[in-house]
Amino acid sequence: MSEVSRVCPQCSAKVALDSQYCGRCGHDTSSGLAVEQRNLPAQLATAALPVAAGLAGWAVRAGWKLLRARLEEMAQNPPAAVAPRAAKRTQQPAPVAAENGRSKRTIRIRSTWAVGDGKGVWRQGAEEHIIDVEE
């Protein structure tokens, strides 16, 4: 069997692979060797990037679906603060005699409303109706 060895760069003598110094001149034979480098962090970063991008995309899609579901739920069941209110009647005044002998009554109806669509756009307003009734 042949013995594997290296050559001393100083004196060209054969040096065993496991020895650090040359037996003839004492030169440090391991100083000229390449140092083993590990690229594990770089390899992990390269492999983790598509996984992280996939997880981020999934999280955005899940959040968007939850938001759309919440907006649809709010459109179908608006909160009590902005829900359409029934028309309110003001207190009726006592009948007043009209010029022709008939009594006249005025009814005032004030209503407020709010409407929302599936996109989250809300519109609201108020109206007042006056009705004169002759009895």
C-alpha atoms as a PDB file:
ATOM      1  CA  MET A   1       0.000   0.000   0.000  1.00  0.00           C
ATOM      2  CA  SER A   2       1.180   3.493  -0.723  1.00  0.00           C
ATOM      3  CA  GLU A   3       1.263   6.141   1.930  1.00  0.00           C
ATOM      4  CA  VAL A   4      -0.382   9.449   1.098  1.00  0.00           C
ATOM      5  CA  SER A   5       1.633  12.476   2.107  1.00  0.00           C
ATOM      6  CA  ARG A   6       2.101  16.095   1.215  1.00  0.00           C
ATOM      7  CA  VAL A   7       5.135  18.110   0.231  1.00  0.00           C
ATOM      8  CA  CYS A   8       6.598  20.838   2.440  1.00  0.00           C
ATOM      9  CA  PRO A   9       6.493  24.145   0.541  1.00  0.00           C
ATOM     10  CA  GLN A  10       9.785  25.237   2.214  1.00  0.00           C
ATOM     11  CA  CYS A  11      12.140  22.304   1.738  1.00  0.00           C
ATOM     12  CA  SER A  12      10.114  19.909  -0.537  1.00  0.00           C
ATOM     13  CA  ALA A  13      10.345  17.055   1.983  1.00  0.00           C
ATOM     14  CA  LYS A  14       7.517  14.540   2.369  1.00  0.00           C
ATOM     15  CA  VAL A  15       5.286  15.340   5.352  1.00  0.00           C
ATOM     16  CA  ALA A  16       2.532  13.089   6.747  1.00  0.00           C
ATOM     17  CA  LEU A  17      -0.984  14.351   6.258  1.00  0.00           C
ATOM     18  CA  ASP A  18      -1.773  14.500   9.994  1.00  0.00           C
ATOM     19  CA  SER A  19       1.348  16.450  11.021  1.00  0.00           C
ATOM     20  CA  GLN A  20       1.208  20.239  11.249  1.00  0.00           C
ATOM     21  CA  TYR A  21       4.977  20.961  11.006  1.00  0.00           C
ATOM     22  CA  CYS A  22       7.639  19.677   8.634  1.00  0.00           C
ATOM     23  CA  GLY A  23       9.972  17.158  10.302  1.00  0.00           C
ATOM     24  CA  ARG A  24      13.017  18.455   8.395  1.00  0.00           C
ATOM     25  CA  CYS A  25      12.762  22.310   8.502  1.00  0.00           C
ATOM     26  CA  GLY A  26       9.938  22.904  11.033  1.00  0.00           C
ATOM     27  CA  HIS A  27       7.815  24.888   8.606  1.00  0.00           C
ATOM     28  CA  ASP A  28       4.079  25.130   9.382  1.00  0.00           C
ATOM     29  CA  THR A  29       2.617  23.019   6.576  1.00  0.00           C
ATOM     30  CA  SER A  30      -1.052  23.679   7.459  1.00  0.00           C
ATOM     31  CA  SER A  31      -0.798  27.459   6.910  1.00  0.00           C
ATOM     32  CA  GLY A  32      -1.019  27.182   3.123  1.00  0.00           C
ATOM     33  CA  LEU A  33      -4.006  24.817   3.091  1.00  0.00           C
ATOM     34  CA  ALA A  34      -7.464  25.979   2.211  1.00  0.00           C
ATOM     35  CA  VAL A  35      -9.774  26.258   5.160  1.00  0.00           C
ATOM     36  CA  GLU A  36     -13.005  24.334   4.921  1.00  0.00           C
ATOM     37  CA  GLN A  37     -15.922  26.738   4.816  1.00  0.00           C
ATOM     38  CA  ARG A  38     -19.473  25.862   5.519  1.00  0.00           C
ATOM     39  CA  ASN A  39     -22.196  27.492   3.455  1.00  0.00           C
ATOM     40  CA  LEU A  40     -25.016  26.174   5.577  1.00  0.00           C
ATOM     41  CA  PRO A  41     -26.534  29.597   6.494  1.00  0.00           C
ATOM     42  CA  ALA A  42     -26.460  30.670   2.843  1.00  0.00           C
ATOM     43  CA  GLN A  43     -28.014  27.382   1.752  1.00  0.00           C
ATOM     44  CA  LEU A  44     -30.716  27.658   4.413  1.00  0.00           C
ATOM     45  CA  ALA A  45     -31.500  31.216   3.348  1.00  0.00           C
ATOM     46  CA  THR A  46     -31.776  30.115  -0.273  1.00  0.00           C
ATOM     47  CA  ALA A  47     -34.093  27.244   0.640  1.00  0.00           C
ATOM     48  CA  ALA A  48     -36.108  29.242   3.185  1.00  0.00           C
ATOM     49  CA  LEU A  49     -36.912  32.134   0.844  1.00  0.00           C
ATOM     50  CA  PRO A  50     -39.551  30.300  -1.248  1.00  0.00           C
ATOM     51  CA  VAL A  51     -41.067  28.812   1.896  1.00  0.00           C
ATOM     52  CA  ALA A  52     -41.291  32.232   3.557  1.00  0.00           C
ATOM     53  CA  ALA A  53     -42.786  33.773   0.417  1.00  0.00           C
ATOM     54  CA  GLY A  54     -45.379  30.989   0.234  1.00  0.00           C
ATOM     55  CA  LEU A  55     -46.338  31.438   3.886  1.00  0.00           C
ATOM     56  CA  ALA A  56     -46.613  35.206   3.467  1.00  0.00           C
ATOM     57  CA  GLY A  57     -48.848  34.757   0.420  1.00  0.00           C
ATOM     58  CA  TRP A  58     -51.038  32.294   2.294  1.00  0.00           C
ATOM     59  CA  ALA A  59     -51.350  34.685   5.254  1.00  0.00           C
ATOM     60  CA  VAL A  60     -52.369  37.569   2.976  1.00  0.00           C
ATOM     61  CA  ARG A  61     -54.998  35.418   1.223  1.00  0.00           C
ATOM     62  CA  ALA A  62     -56.384  34.162   4.540  1.00  0.00           C
ATOM     63  CA  GLY A  63     -56.549  37.694   5.940  1.00  0.00           C
ATOM     64  CA  TRP A  64     -58.265  38.971   2.794  1.00  0.00           C
ATOM     65  CA  LYS A  65     -60.878  36.183   2.965  1.00  0.00           C
ATOM     66  CA  LEU A  66     -61.570  36.951   6.627  1.00  0.00           C
ATOM     67  CA  LEU A  67     -61.915  40.657   5.853  1.00  0.00           C
ATOM     68  CA  ARG A  68     -64.316  40.017   2.959  1.00  0.00           C
ATOM     69  CA  ALA A  69     -66.400  37.655   5.116  1.00  0.00           C
ATOM     70  CA  ARG A  70     -66.597  40.285   7.871  1.00  0.00           C
ATOM     71  CA  LEU A  71     -67.611  43.010   5.389  1.00  0.00           C
ATOM     72  CA  GLU A  72     -70.320  40.779   3.890  1.00  0.00           C
ATOM     73  CA  GLU A  73     -71.589  39.988   7.378  1.00  0.00           C
ATOM     74  CA  MET A  74     -71.701  43.703   8.221  1.00  0.00           C
ATOM     75  CA  ALA A  75     -73.578  44.425   4.986  1.00  0.00           C
ATOM     76  CA  GLN A  76     -76.201  41.818   5.833  1.00  0.00           C
ATOM     77  CA  ASN A  77     -76.426  42.715   9.540  1.00  0.00           C
ATOM     78  CA  PRO A  78     -75.365  46.350  10.022  1.00  0.00           C
ATOM     79  CA  PRO A  79     -74.355  47.419  13.523  1.00  0.00           C
ATOM     80  CA  ALA A  80     -77.102  48.942  15.669  1.00  0.00           C
ATOM     81  CA  ALA A  81     -75.481  52.394  15.567  1.00  0.00           C
ATOM     82  CA  VAL A  82     -75.980  52.739  11.808  1.00  0.00           C
ATOM     83  CA  ALA A  83     -78.957  50.454  11.282  1.00  0.00           C
ATOM     84  CA  PRO A  84     -81.923  52.049   9.523  1.00  0.00           C
ATOM     85  CA  ARG A  85     -84.332  53.423  12.077  1.00  0.00           C
ATOM     86  CA  ALA A  86     -88.062  53.373  11.878  1.00  0.00           C
ATOM     87  CA  ALA A  87     -89.716  56.690  11.174  1.00  0.00           C
ATOM     88  CA  LYS A  88     -90.455  58.714  14.291  1.00  0.00           C
ATOM     89  CA  ARG A  89     -93.623  60.659  14.737  1.00  0.00           C
ATOM     90  CA  THR A  90     -93.585  63.896  16.571  1.00  0.00           C
ATOM     91  CA  GLN A  91     -96.263  64.635  19.106  1.00  0.00           C
ATOM     92  CA  GLN A  92     -99.479  65.544  17.361  1.00  0.00           C
ATOM     93  CA  PRO A  93    -100.891  68.991  18.038  1.00  0.00           C
ATOM     94  CA  ALA A  94    -104.552  69.288  18.944  1.00  0.00           C
ATOM     95  CA  PRO A  95    -106.887  69.654  15.980  1.00  0.00           C
ATOM     96  CA  VAL A  96    -107.261  73.253  14.869  1.00  0.00           C
ATOM     97  CA  ALA A  97    -110.474  74.558  13.321  1.00  0.00           C
ATOM     98  CA  ALA A  98    -109.973  75.401   9.674  1.00  0.00           C
ATOM     99  CA  GLU A  99    -111.577  78.298   7.894  1.00  0.00           C
ATOM    100  CA  ASN A 100    -114.373  76.209   6.440  1.00  0.00           C
ATOM    101  CA  GLY A 101    -115.385  74.652   9.752  1.00  0.00           C
ATOM    102  CA  ARG A 102    -113.356  71.475   9.432  1.00  0.00           C
ATOM    103  CA  SER A 103    -110.530  70.611  11.828  1.00  0.00           C
ATOM    104  CA  LYS A 104    -107.003  70.454  10.479  1.00  0.00           C
ATOM    105  CA  ARG A 105    -104.191  68.301  11.783  1.00  0.00           C
ATOM    106  CA  THR A 106    -100.497  68.461  10.836  1.00  0.00           C
ATOM    107  CA  ILE A 107     -98.370  65.336  11.017  1.00  0.00           C
ATOM    108  CA  ARG A 108     -94.615  65.636  10.945  1.00  0.00           C
ATOM    109  CA  ILE A 109     -92.567  62.522  10.255  1.00  0.00           C
ATOM    110  CA  ARG A 110     -88.802  62.653  10.650  1.00  0.00           C
ATOM    111  CA  SER A 111     -86.836  59.632   9.415  1.00  0.00           C
ATOM    112  CA  THR A 112     -83.157  58.841   9.279  1.00  0.00           C
ATOM    113  CA  TRP A 113     -81.581  56.135   7.180  1.00  0.00           C
ATOM    114  CA  ALA A 114     -78.238  54.455   6.501  1.00  0.00           C
ATOM    115  CA  VAL A 115     -77.362  52.141   3.631  1.00  0.00           C
ATOM    116  CA  GLY A 116     -74.178  50.125   3.159  1.00  0.00           C
ATOM    117  CA  ASP A 117     -73.003  47.986   0.276  1.00  0.00           C
ATOM    118  CA  GLY A 118     -70.688  44.975   0.124  1.00  0.00           C
ATOM    119  CA  LYS A 119     -67.655  47.187  -0.485  1.00  0.00           C
ATOM    120  CA  GLY A 120     -67.995  48.949   2.878  1.00  0.00           C
ATOM    121  CA  VAL A 121     -69.397  52.217   1.506  1.00  0.00           C
ATOM    122  CA  TRP A 122     -72.024  53.668   3.834  1.00  0.00           C
ATOM    123  CA  ARG A 123     -74.448  56.461   2.980  1.00  0.00           C
ATOM    124  CA  GLN A 124     -76.821  58.046   5.445  1.00  0.00           C
ATOM    125  CA  GLY A 125     -79.309  60.843   5.558  1.00  0.00           C
ATOM    126  CA  ALA A 126     -82.397  62.300   7.200  1.00  0.00           C
ATOM    127  CA  GLU A 127     -85.761  63.396   5.806  1.00  0.00           C
ATOM    128  CA  GLU A 128     -88.746  65.190   7.216  1.00  0.00           C
ATOM    129  CA  HIS A 129     -92.253  64.829   5.813  1.00  0.00           C
ATOM    130  CA  ILE A 130     -95.135  67.128   6.704  1.00  0.00           C
ATOM    131  CA  ILE A 131     -98.683  65.929   6.090  1.00  0.00           C
ATOM    132  CA  ASP A 132    -101.693  68.193   6.550  1.00  0.00           C
ATOM    133  CA  VAL A 133    -104.901  66.286   7.209  1.00  0.00           C
ATOM    134  CA  GLU A 134    -108.319  67.901   7.210  1.00  0.00           C
ATOM    135  CA  GLU A 135    -110.932  66.009   9.189  1.00  0.00           C
END
